[in-house]
Amino acid sequence: EHGMVASDYAIKLINLKYPKDHSKVLEERNWQIGKLK
């Protein structure tokens, strides 16, 4: 379960680095999915 928490913290990092930039959130989640696949 720590893996999903890590992935959510990665999104928090994106939220901090690129405030209110939903495209960066999409980019990060797609990276996470692609790497896991």
PDB file of all heavy atoms in Angstrom:
ATOM      1  N   GLU A   1       0.808  -1.217   0.000  1.00  0.00           N
ATOM      2  CA  GLU A   1       0.000   0.000   0.000  1.00  0.00           C
ATOM      3  C   GLU A   1       0.845   1.273   0.000  1.00  0.00           C
ATOM      4  O   GLU A   1       0.382   2.334  -0.421  1.00  0.00           O
ATOM      5  CB  GLU A   1      -0.953   0.019   1.197  1.00  0.00           C
ATOM      6  CG  GLU A   1      -2.051  -1.018   1.117  1.00  0.00           C
ATOM      7  CD  GLU A   1      -1.587  -2.464   1.397  1.00  0.00           C
ATOM      8  OE1 GLU A   1      -0.494  -2.670   2.008  1.00  0.00           O
ATOM      9  OE2 GLU A   1      -2.286  -3.385   0.974  1.00  0.00           O
ATOM     10  N   HIS A   2       2.083   1.175   0.465  1.00  0.00           N
ATOM     11  CA  HIS A   2       2.953   2.356   0.459  1.00  0.00           C
ATOM     12  C   HIS A   2       3.199   2.862  -0.967  1.00  0.00           C
ATOM     13  O   HIS A   2       3.488   4.032  -1.166  1.00  0.00           O
ATOM     14  CB  HIS A   2       4.288   2.048   1.144  1.00  0.00           C
ATOM     15  CG  HIS A   2       4.186   1.917   2.630  1.00  0.00           C
ATOM     16  ND1 HIS A   2       3.835   2.958   3.453  1.00  0.00           N
ATOM     17  CD2 HIS A   2       4.400   0.850   3.442  1.00  0.00           C
ATOM     18  CE1 HIS A   2       3.841   2.544   4.711  1.00  0.00           C
ATOM     19  NE2 HIS A   2       4.166   1.267   4.733  1.00  0.00           N
ATOM     20  N   GLY A   3       3.054   1.988  -1.948  1.00  0.00           N
ATOM     21  CA  GLY A   3       3.246   2.389  -3.342  1.00  0.00           C
ATOM     22  C   GLY A   3       2.235   3.430  -3.798  1.00  0.00           C
ATOM     23  O   GLY A   3       2.594   4.418  -4.449  1.00  0.00           O
ATOM     24  N   MET A   4       0.973   3.224  -3.469  1.00  0.00           N
ATOM     25  CA  MET A   4      -0.049   4.213  -3.850  1.00  0.00           C
ATOM     26  C   MET A   4       0.139   5.516  -3.075  1.00  0.00           C
ATOM     27  O   MET A   4      -0.091   6.596  -3.619  1.00  0.00           O
ATOM     28  CB  MET A   4      -1.464   3.666  -3.639  1.00  0.00           C
ATOM     29  CG  MET A   4      -1.965   2.779  -4.746  1.00  0.00           C
ATOM     30  SD  MET A   4      -1.916   3.473  -6.426  1.00  0.00           S
ATOM     31  CE  MET A   4      -3.211   4.697  -6.356  1.00  0.00           C
ATOM     32  N   VAL A   5       0.569   5.413  -1.832  1.00  0.00           N
ATOM     33  CA  VAL A   5       0.823   6.629  -1.062  1.00  0.00           C
ATOM     34  C   VAL A   5       1.985   7.398  -1.708  1.00  0.00           C
ATOM     35  O   VAL A   5       1.927   8.623  -1.855  1.00  0.00           O
ATOM     36  CB  VAL A   5       1.099   6.320   0.425  1.00  0.00           C
ATOM     37  CG1 VAL A   5       1.416   7.590   1.194  1.00  0.00           C
ATOM     38  CG2 VAL A   5      -0.094   5.597   1.052  1.00  0.00           C
ATOM     39  N   ALA A   6       3.024   6.674  -2.132  1.00  0.00           N
ATOM     40  CA  ALA A   6       4.150   7.319  -2.827  1.00  0.00           C
ATOM     41  C   ALA A   6       3.667   8.022  -4.098  1.00  0.00           C
ATOM     42  O   ALA A   6       4.077   9.147  -4.387  1.00  0.00           O
ATOM     43  CB  ALA A   6       5.229   6.293  -3.164  1.00  0.00           C
ATOM     44  N   SER A   7       2.766   7.362  -4.830  1.00  0.00           N
ATOM     45  CA  SER A   7       2.273   7.963  -6.079  1.00  0.00           C
ATOM     46  C   SER A   7       1.452   9.223  -5.803  1.00  0.00           C
ATOM     47  O   SER A   7       1.519  10.190  -6.559  1.00  0.00           O
ATOM     48  CB  SER A   7       1.465   6.954  -6.893  1.00  0.00           C
ATOM     49  OG  SER A   7       0.151   6.797  -6.410  1.00  0.00           O
ATOM     50  N   ASP A   8       0.693   9.221  -4.707  1.00  0.00           N
ATOM     51  CA  ASP A   8      -0.066  10.418  -4.340  1.00  0.00           C
ATOM     52  C   ASP A   8       0.868  11.541  -3.886  1.00  0.00           C
ATOM     53  O   ASP A   8       0.633  12.716  -4.201  1.00  0.00           O
ATOM     54  CB  ASP A   8      -1.090  10.108  -3.255  1.00  0.00           C
ATOM     55  CG  ASP A   8      -2.300   9.335  -3.771  1.00  0.00           C
ATOM     56  OD1 ASP A   8      -2.501   9.270  -5.004  1.00  0.00           O
ATOM     57  OD2 ASP A   8      -3.044   8.793  -2.938  1.00  0.00           O
ATOM     58  N   TYR A   9       1.924  11.196  -3.154  1.00  0.00           N
ATOM     59  CA  TYR A   9       2.908  12.222  -2.786  1.00  0.00           C
ATOM     60  C   TYR A   9       3.577  12.795  -4.033  1.00  0.00           C
ATOM     61  O   TYR A   9       3.900  13.982  -4.086  1.00  0.00           O
ATOM     62  CB  TYR A   9       3.954  11.680  -1.812  1.00  0.00           C
ATOM     63  CG  TYR A   9       3.573  11.850  -0.367  1.00  0.00           C
ATOM     64  CD1 TYR A   9       3.338  10.752   0.444  1.00  0.00           C
ATOM     65  CD2 TYR A   9       3.445  13.118   0.209  1.00  0.00           C
ATOM     66  CE1 TYR A   9       2.983  10.895   1.777  1.00  0.00           C
ATOM     67  CE2 TYR A   9       3.088  13.271   1.537  1.00  0.00           C
ATOM     68  CZ  TYR A   9       2.863  12.166   2.315  1.00  0.00           C
ATOM     69  OH  TYR A   9       2.521  12.325   3.638  1.00  0.00           O
ATOM     70  N   ALA A  10       3.791  11.970  -5.049  1.00  0.00           N
ATOM     71  CA  ALA A  10       4.354  12.475  -6.303  1.00  0.00           C
ATOM     72  C   ALA A  10       3.412  13.504  -6.926  1.00  0.00           C
ATOM     73  O   ALA A  10       3.858  14.530  -7.459  1.00  0.00           O
ATOM     74  CB  ALA A  10       4.619  11.326  -7.275  1.00  0.00           C
ATOM     75  N   ILE A  11       2.111  13.257  -6.831  1.00  0.00           N
ATOM     76  CA  ILE A  11       1.138  14.233  -7.335  1.00  0.00           C
ATOM     77  C   ILE A  11       1.173  15.500  -6.472  1.00  0.00           C
ATOM     78  O   ILE A  11       1.087  16.619  -6.992  1.00  0.00           O
ATOM     79  CB  ILE A  11      -0.283  13.633  -7.398  1.00  0.00           C
ATOM     80  CG1 ILE A  11      -0.336  12.489  -8.417  1.00  0.00           C
ATOM     81  CG2 ILE A  11      -1.327  14.707  -7.719  1.00  0.00           C
ATOM     82  CD1 ILE A  11       0.016  12.890  -9.858  1.00  0.00           C
ATOM     83  N   LYS A  12       1.335  15.351  -5.178  1.00  0.00           N
ATOM     84  CA  LYS A  12       1.469  16.531  -4.314  1.00  0.00           C
ATOM     85  C   LYS A  12       2.698  17.341  -4.720  1.00  0.00           C
ATOM     86  O   LYS A  12       2.648  18.577  -4.747  1.00  0.00           O
ATOM     87  CB  LYS A  12       1.551  16.115  -2.841  1.00  0.00           C
ATOM     88  CG  LYS A  12       1.604  17.319  -1.915  1.00  0.00           C
ATOM     89  CD  LYS A  12       1.471  16.928  -0.467  1.00  0.00           C
ATOM     90  CE  LYS A  12       1.463  18.191   0.402  1.00  0.00           C
ATOM     91  NZ  LYS A  12       1.205  17.879   1.806  1.00  0.00           N
ATOM     92  N   LEU A  13       3.792  16.655  -5.045  1.00  0.00           N
ATOM     93  CA  LEU A  13       4.987  17.348  -5.518  1.00  0.00           C
ATOM     94  C   LEU A  13       4.662  18.152  -6.777  1.00  0.00           C
ATOM     95  O   LEU A  13       5.048  19.317  -6.900  1.00  0.00           O
ATOM     96  CB  LEU A  13       6.101  16.326  -5.785  1.00  0.00           C
ATOM     97  CG  LEU A  13       7.472  16.894  -6.066  1.00  0.00           C
ATOM     98  CD1 LEU A  13       8.547  15.929  -5.569  1.00  0.00           C
ATOM     99  CD2 LEU A  13       7.692  17.147  -7.529  1.00  0.00           C
ATOM    100  N   ILE A  14       3.931  17.536  -7.703  1.00  0.00           N
ATOM    101  CA  ILE A  14       3.516  18.226  -8.934  1.00  0.00           C
ATOM    102  C   ILE A  14       2.638  19.429  -8.596  1.00  0.00           C
ATOM    103  O   ILE A  14       2.810  20.511  -9.155  1.00  0.00           O
ATOM    104  CB  ILE A  14       2.771  17.253  -9.881  1.00  0.00           C
ATOM    105  CG1 ILE A  14       3.722  16.171 -10.398  1.00  0.00           C
ATOM    106  CG2 ILE A  14       2.089  17.992 -11.030  1.00  0.00           C
ATOM    107  CD1 ILE A  14       4.884  16.676 -11.234  1.00  0.00           C
ATOM    108  N   ASN A  15       1.686  19.245  -7.669  1.00  0.00           N
ATOM    109  CA  ASN A  15       0.813  20.354  -7.248  1.00  0.00           C
ATOM    110  C   ASN A  15       1.630  21.518  -6.715  1.00  0.00           C
ATOM    111  O   ASN A  15       1.292  22.685  -6.968  1.00  0.00           O
ATOM    112  CB  ASN A  15      -0.163  19.902  -6.159  1.00  0.00           C
ATOM    113  CG  ASN A  15      -1.239  18.928  -6.618  1.00  0.00           C
ATOM    114  OD1 ASN A  15      -1.945  18.371  -5.782  1.00  0.00           O
ATOM    115  ND2 ASN A  15      -1.383  18.691  -7.902  1.00  0.00           N
ATOM    116  N   LEU A  16       2.686  21.229  -5.964  1.00  0.00           N
ATOM    117  CA  LEU A  16       3.529  22.290  -5.407  1.00  0.00           C
ATOM    118  C   LEU A  16       4.414  22.940  -6.456  1.00  0.00           C
ATOM    119  O   LEU A  16       4.581  24.156  -6.475  1.00  0.00           O
ATOM    120  CB  LEU A  16       4.411  21.722  -4.287  1.00  0.00           C
ATOM    121  CG  LEU A  16       3.691  21.300  -3.014  1.00  0.00           C
ATOM    122  CD1 LEU A  16       4.614  20.463  -2.134  1.00  0.00           C
ATOM    123  CD2 LEU A  16       3.187  22.521  -2.261  1.00  0.00           C
ATOM    124  N   LYS A  17       4.976  22.109  -7.316  1.00  0.00           N
ATOM    125  CA  LYS A  17       5.908  22.607  -8.339  1.00  0.00           C
ATOM    126  C   LYS A  17       5.182  23.356  -9.452  1.00  0.00           C
ATOM    127  O   LYS A  17       5.715  24.332  -9.994  1.00  0.00           O
ATOM    128  CB  LYS A  17       6.703  21.426  -8.902  1.00  0.00           C
ATOM    129  CG  LYS A  17       7.896  21.837  -9.710  1.00  0.00           C
ATOM    130  CD  LYS A  17       8.815  20.656  -9.956  1.00  0.00           C
ATOM    131  CE  LYS A  17       9.860  21.044 -10.950  1.00  0.00           C
ATOM    132  NZ  LYS A  17      11.192  21.011 -10.497  1.00  0.00           N
ATOM    133  N   TYR A  18       3.977  22.915  -9.783  1.00  0.00           N
ATOM    134  CA  TYR A  18       3.180  23.521 -10.866  1.00  0.00           C
ATOM    135  C   TYR A  18       1.769  23.796 -10.346  1.00  0.00           C
ATOM    136  O   TYR A  18       0.827  23.079 -10.709  1.00  0.00           O
ATOM    137  CB  TYR A  18       3.118  22.581 -12.075  1.00  0.00           C
ATOM    138  CG  TYR A  18       4.471  22.125 -12.563  1.00  0.00           C
ATOM    139  CD1 TYR A  18       4.964  20.866 -12.224  1.00  0.00           C
ATOM    140  CD2 TYR A  18       5.267  22.958 -13.346  1.00  0.00           C
ATOM    141  CE1 TYR A  18       6.207  20.435 -12.662  1.00  0.00           C
ATOM    142  CE2 TYR A  18       6.519  22.536 -13.797  1.00  0.00           C
ATOM    143  CZ  TYR A  18       6.976  21.280 -13.444  1.00  0.00           C
ATOM    144  OH  TYR A  18       8.216  20.863 -13.879  1.00  0.00           O
ATOM    145  N   PRO A  19       1.607  24.802  -9.503  1.00  0.00           N
ATOM    146  CA  PRO A  19       0.288  25.063  -8.890  1.00  0.00           C
ATOM    147  C   PRO A  19      -0.832  25.218  -9.922  1.00  0.00           C
ATOM    148  O   PRO A  19      -0.671  25.905 -10.927  1.00  0.00           O
ATOM    149  CB  PRO A  19       0.499  26.371  -8.131  1.00  0.00           C
ATOM    150  CG  PRO A  19       1.975  26.494  -7.952  1.00  0.00           C
ATOM    151  CD  PRO A  19       2.604  25.791  -9.125  1.00  0.00           C
ATOM    152  N   LYS A  20      -1.930  24.514  -9.652  1.00  0.00           N
ATOM    153  CA  LYS A  20      -3.151  24.585 -10.468  1.00  0.00           C
ATOM    154  C   LYS A  20      -2.951  24.206 -11.936  1.00  0.00           C
ATOM    155  O   LYS A  20      -3.758  24.573 -12.784  1.00  0.00           O
ATOM    156  CB  LYS A  20      -3.771  25.984 -10.362  1.00  0.00           C
ATOM    157  CG  LYS A  20      -4.224  26.336  -8.959  1.00  0.00           C
ATOM    158  CD  LYS A  20      -4.884  27.705  -8.940  1.00  0.00           C
ATOM    159  CE  LYS A  20      -5.556  28.015  -7.692  1.00  0.00           C
ATOM    160  NZ  LYS A  20      -4.984  28.302  -6.497  1.00  0.00           N
ATOM    161  N   ASP A  21      -1.893  23.476 -12.245  1.00  0.00           N
ATOM    162  CA  ASP A  21      -1.634  23.048 -13.621  1.00  0.00           C
ATOM    163  C   ASP A  21      -2.072  21.594 -13.790  1.00  0.00           C
ATOM    164  O   ASP A  21      -1.305  20.664 -13.552  1.00  0.00           O
ATOM    165  CB  ASP A  21      -0.157  23.222 -13.966  1.00  0.00           C
ATOM    166  CG  ASP A  21       0.128  23.020 -15.449  1.00  0.00           C
ATOM    167  OD1 ASP A  21      -0.709  22.396 -16.155  1.00  0.00           O
ATOM    168  OD2 ASP A  21       1.184  23.481 -15.911  1.00  0.00           O
ATOM    169  N   HIS A  22      -3.328  21.427 -14.185  1.00  0.00           N
ATOM    170  CA  HIS A  22      -3.898  20.077 -14.320  1.00  0.00           C
ATOM    171  C   HIS A  22      -3.169  19.263 -15.386  1.00  0.00           C
ATOM    172  O   HIS A  22      -3.072  18.036 -15.272  1.00  0.00           O
ATOM    173  CB  HIS A  22      -5.392  20.168 -14.626  1.00  0.00           C
ATOM    174  CG  HIS A  22      -6.104  18.862 -14.496  1.00  0.00           C
ATOM    175  ND1 HIS A  22      -6.260  18.210 -13.289  1.00  0.00           N
ATOM    176  CD2 HIS A  22      -6.663  18.045 -15.429  1.00  0.00           C
ATOM    177  CE1 HIS A  22      -6.899  17.073 -13.472  1.00  0.00           C
ATOM    178  NE2 HIS A  22      -7.148  16.942 -14.763  1.00  0.00           N
ATOM    179  N   SER A  23      -2.621  19.925 -16.407  1.00  0.00           N
ATOM    180  CA  SER A  23      -1.902  19.191 -17.455  1.00  0.00           C
ATOM    181  C   SER A  23      -0.670  18.492 -16.889  1.00  0.00           C
ATOM    182  O   SER A  23      -0.322  17.392 -17.329  1.00  0.00           O
ATOM    183  CB  SER A  23      -1.514  20.116 -18.612  1.00  0.00           C
ATOM    184  OG  SER A  23      -0.512  21.036 -18.214  1.00  0.00           O
ATOM    185  N   LYS A  24      -0.032  19.084 -15.890  1.00  0.00           N
ATOM    186  CA  LYS A  24       1.141  18.453 -15.253  1.00  0.00           C
ATOM    187  C   LYS A  24       0.716  17.255 -14.405  1.00  0.00           C
ATOM    188  O   LYS A  24       1.437  16.263 -14.330  1.00  0.00           O
ATOM    189  CB  LYS A  24       1.913  19.465 -14.406  1.00  0.00           C
ATOM    190  CG  LYS A  24       2.583  20.544 -15.216  1.00  0.00           C
ATOM    191  CD  LYS A  24       3.694  19.969 -16.069  1.00  0.00           C
ATOM    192  CE  LYS A  24       4.471  21.059 -16.757  1.00  0.00           C
ATOM    193  NZ  LYS A  24       5.546  20.521 -17.615  1.00  0.00           N
ATOM    194  N   VAL A  25      -0.459  17.340 -13.790  1.00  0.00           N
ATOM    195  CA  VAL A  25      -1.003  16.207 -13.036  1.00  0.00           C
ATOM    196  C   VAL A  25      -1.271  15.053 -14.006  1.00  0.00           C
ATOM    197  O   VAL A  25      -0.906  13.901 -13.724  1.00  0.00           O
ATOM    198  CB  VAL A  25      -2.285  16.609 -12.274  1.00  0.00           C
ATOM    199  CG1 VAL A  25      -2.985  15.387 -11.672  1.00  0.00           C
ATOM    200  CG2 VAL A  25      -1.980  17.639 -11.194  1.00  0.00           C
ATOM    201  N   LEU A  26      -1.897  15.350 -15.135  1.00  0.00           N
ATOM    202  CA  LEU A  26      -2.176  14.319 -16.139  1.00  0.00           C
ATOM    203  C   LEU A  26      -0.877  13.684 -16.636  1.00  0.00           C
ATOM    204  O   LEU A  26      -0.779  12.461 -16.770  1.00  0.00           O
ATOM    205  CB  LEU A  26      -2.945  14.913 -17.321  1.00  0.00           C
ATOM    206  CG  LEU A  26      -4.336  15.467 -17.042  1.00  0.00           C
ATOM    207  CD1 LEU A  26      -4.910  16.121 -18.298  1.00  0.00           C
ATOM    208  CD2 LEU A  26      -5.263  14.395 -16.513  1.00  0.00           C
ATOM    209  N   GLU A  27       0.102  14.530 -16.899  1.00  0.00           N
ATOM    210  CA  GLU A  27       1.402  14.055 -17.374  1.00  0.00           C
ATOM    211  C   GLU A  27       2.035  13.096 -16.343  1.00  0.00           C
ATOM    212  O   GLU A  27       2.548  12.033 -16.701  1.00  0.00           O
ATOM    213  CB  GLU A  27       2.305  15.267 -17.605  1.00  0.00           C
ATOM    214  CG  GLU A  27       3.625  14.989 -18.253  1.00  0.00           C
ATOM    215  CD  GLU A  27       4.407  16.283 -18.456  1.00  0.00           C
ATOM    216  OE1 GLU A  27       3.858  17.249 -19.027  1.00  0.00           O
ATOM    217  OE2 GLU A  27       5.569  16.327 -18.017  1.00  0.00           O
ATOM    218  N   GLU A  28       1.984  13.483 -15.077  1.00  0.00           N
ATOM    219  CA  GLU A  28       2.573  12.646 -14.024  1.00  0.00           C
ATOM    220  C   GLU A  28       1.819  11.331 -13.865  1.00  0.00           C
ATOM    221  O   GLU A  28       2.440  10.260 -13.783  1.00  0.00           O
ATOM    222  CB  GLU A  28       2.615  13.393 -12.693  1.00  0.00           C
ATOM    223  CG  GLU A  28       3.141  12.571 -11.534  1.00  0.00           C
ATOM    224  CD  GLU A  28       4.556  12.056 -11.716  1.00  0.00           C
ATOM    225  OE1 GLU A  28       5.351  12.650 -12.472  1.00  0.00           O
ATOM    226  OE2 GLU A  28       4.885  11.025 -11.096  1.00  0.00           O
ATOM    227  N   ARG A  29       0.492  11.377 -13.810  1.00  0.00           N
ATOM    228  CA  ARG A  29      -0.269  10.120 -13.675  1.00  0.00           C
ATOM    229  C   ARG A  29      -0.029   9.217 -14.882  1.00  0.00           C
ATOM    230  O   ARG A  29       0.118   8.008 -14.724  1.00  0.00           O
ATOM    231  CB  ARG A  29      -1.766  10.393 -13.503  1.00  0.00           C
ATOM    232  CG  ARG A  29      -2.171  10.793 -12.112  1.00  0.00           C
ATOM    233  CD  ARG A  29      -1.980   9.678 -11.096  1.00  0.00           C
ATOM    234  NE  ARG A  29      -2.489  10.082  -9.785  1.00  0.00           N
ATOM    235  CZ  ARG A  29      -2.068   9.590  -8.643  1.00  0.00           C
ATOM    236  NH1 ARG A  29      -1.150   8.645  -8.613  1.00  0.00           N
ATOM    237  NH2 ARG A  29      -2.569  10.019  -7.504  1.00  0.00           N
ATOM    238  N   ASN A  30       0.039   9.787 -16.070  1.00  0.00           N
ATOM    239  CA  ASN A  30       0.309   8.972 -17.260  1.00  0.00           C
ATOM    240  C   ASN A  30       1.708   8.362 -17.199  1.00  0.00           C
ATOM    241  O   ASN A  30       1.901   7.209 -17.609  1.00  0.00           O
ATOM    242  CB  ASN A  30       0.104   9.785 -18.540  1.00  0.00           C
ATOM    243  CG  ASN A  30      -1.364   9.903 -18.896  1.00  0.00           C
ATOM    244  OD1 ASN A  30      -2.103   8.920 -18.867  1.00  0.00           O
ATOM    245  ND2 ASN A  30      -1.799  11.098 -19.223  1.00  0.00           N
ATOM    246  N   TRP A  31       2.683   9.118 -16.681  1.00  0.00           N
ATOM    247  CA  TRP A  31       4.033   8.572 -16.506  1.00  0.00           C
ATOM    248  C   TRP A  31       3.984   7.389 -15.541  1.00  0.00           C
ATOM    249  O   TRP A  31       4.579   6.340 -15.802  1.00  0.00           O
ATOM    250  CB  TRP A  31       4.994   9.653 -15.978  1.00  0.00           C
ATOM    251  CG  TRP A  31       6.393   9.142 -15.839  1.00  0.00           C
ATOM    252  CD1 TRP A  31       7.386   9.203 -16.773  1.00  0.00           C
ATOM    253  CD2 TRP A  31       6.951   8.441 -14.712  1.00  0.00           C
ATOM    254  NE1 TRP A  31       8.526   8.586 -16.295  1.00  0.00           N
ATOM    255  CE2 TRP A  31       8.279   8.105 -15.032  1.00  0.00           C
ATOM    256  CE3 TRP A  31       6.455   8.058 -13.472  1.00  0.00           C
ATOM    257  CZ2 TRP A  31       9.123   7.424 -14.148  1.00  0.00           C
ATOM    258  CZ3 TRP A  31       7.287   7.372 -12.597  1.00  0.00           C
ATOM    259  CH2 TRP A  31       8.600   7.067 -12.934  1.00  0.00           C
ATOM    260  N   GLN A  32       3.278   7.563 -14.419  1.00  0.00           N
ATOM    261  CA  GLN A  32       3.183   6.502 -13.414  1.00  0.00           C
ATOM    262  C   GLN A  32       2.556   5.239 -14.000  1.00  0.00           C
ATOM    263  O   GLN A  32       3.057   4.128 -13.791  1.00  0.00           O
ATOM    264  CB  GLN A  32       2.379   6.979 -12.208  1.00  0.00           C
ATOM    265  CG  GLN A  32       3.054   8.058 -11.394  1.00  0.00           C
ATOM    266  CD  GLN A  32       2.181   8.596 -10.272  1.00  0.00           C
ATOM    267  OE1 GLN A  32       1.126   8.059  -9.964  1.00  0.00           O
ATOM    268  NE2 GLN A  32       2.639   9.670  -9.640  1.00  0.00           N
ATOM    269  N   ILE A  33       1.465   5.412 -14.736  1.00  0.00           N
ATOM    270  CA  ILE A  33       0.785   4.265 -15.361  1.00  0.00           C
ATOM    271  C   ILE A  33       1.699   3.604 -16.393  1.00  0.00           C
ATOM    272  O   ILE A  33       1.840   2.370 -16.418  1.00  0.00           O
ATOM    273  CB  ILE A  33      -0.551   4.705 -16.000  1.00  0.00           C
ATOM    274  CG1 ILE A  33      -1.546   5.121 -14.898  1.00  0.00           C
ATOM    275  CG2 ILE A  33      -1.132   3.594 -16.875  1.00  0.00           C
ATOM    276  CD1 ILE A  33      -2.753   5.894 -15.416  1.00  0.00           C
ATOM    277  N   GLY A  34       2.317   4.411 -17.229  1.00  0.00           N
ATOM    278  CA  GLY A  34       3.215   3.873 -18.265  1.00  0.00           C
ATOM    279  C   GLY A  34       4.386   3.105 -17.675  1.00  0.00           C
ATOM    280  O   GLY A  34       4.729   2.015 -18.146  1.00  0.00           O
ATOM    281  N   LYS A  35       4.998   3.642 -16.627  1.00  0.00           N
ATOM    282  CA  LYS A  35       6.137   2.980 -15.985  1.00  0.00           C
ATOM    283  C   LYS A  35       5.688   1.669 -15.341  1.00  0.00           C
ATOM    284  O   LYS A  35       6.387   0.654 -15.424  1.00  0.00           O
ATOM    285  CB  LYS A  35       6.767   3.911 -14.951  1.00  0.00           C
ATOM    286  CG  LYS A  35       7.973   3.345 -14.248  1.00  0.00           C
ATOM    287  CD  LYS A  35       9.089   2.906 -15.177  1.00  0.00           C
ATOM    288  CE  LYS A  35       9.833   4.037 -15.805  1.00  0.00           C
ATOM    289  NZ  LYS A  35      11.013   3.577 -16.604  1.00  0.00           N
ATOM    290  N   LEU A  36       4.515   1.676 -14.711  1.00  0.00           N
ATOM    291  CA  LEU A  36       4.028   0.437 -14.082  1.00  0.00           C
ATOM    292  C   LEU A  36       3.714  -0.617 -15.138  1.00  0.00           C
ATOM    293  O   LEU A  36       4.057  -1.799 -14.953  1.00  0.00           O
ATOM    294  CB  LEU A  36       2.803   0.738 -13.202  1.00  0.00           C
ATOM    295  CG  LEU A  36       2.320  -0.403 -12.313  1.00  0.00           C
ATOM    296  CD1 LEU A  36       3.448  -1.006 -11.475  1.00  0.00           C
ATOM    297  CD2 LEU A  36       1.193   0.087 -11.414  1.00  0.00           C
ATOM    298  N   LYS A  37       3.105  -0.217 -16.238  1.00  0.00           N
ATOM    299  CA  LYS A  37       2.834  -1.176 -17.329  1.00  0.00           C
ATOM    300  C   LYS A  37       4.138  -1.761 -17.871  1.00  0.00           C
ATOM    301  O   LYS A  37       4.234  -2.953 -18.141  1.00  0.00           O
ATOM    302  CB  LYS A  37       2.058  -0.487 -18.460  1.00  0.00           C
ATOM    303  CG  LYS A  37       0.593  -0.287 -18.147  1.00  0.00           C
ATOM    304  CD  LYS A  37      -0.104   0.395 -19.308  1.00  0.00           C
ATOM    305  CE  LYS A  37      -1.587   0.553 -19.031  1.00  0.00           C
ATOM    306  NZ  LYS A  37      -2.274   1.294 -20.143  1.00  0.00           N
TER     307      LYS A  37
END
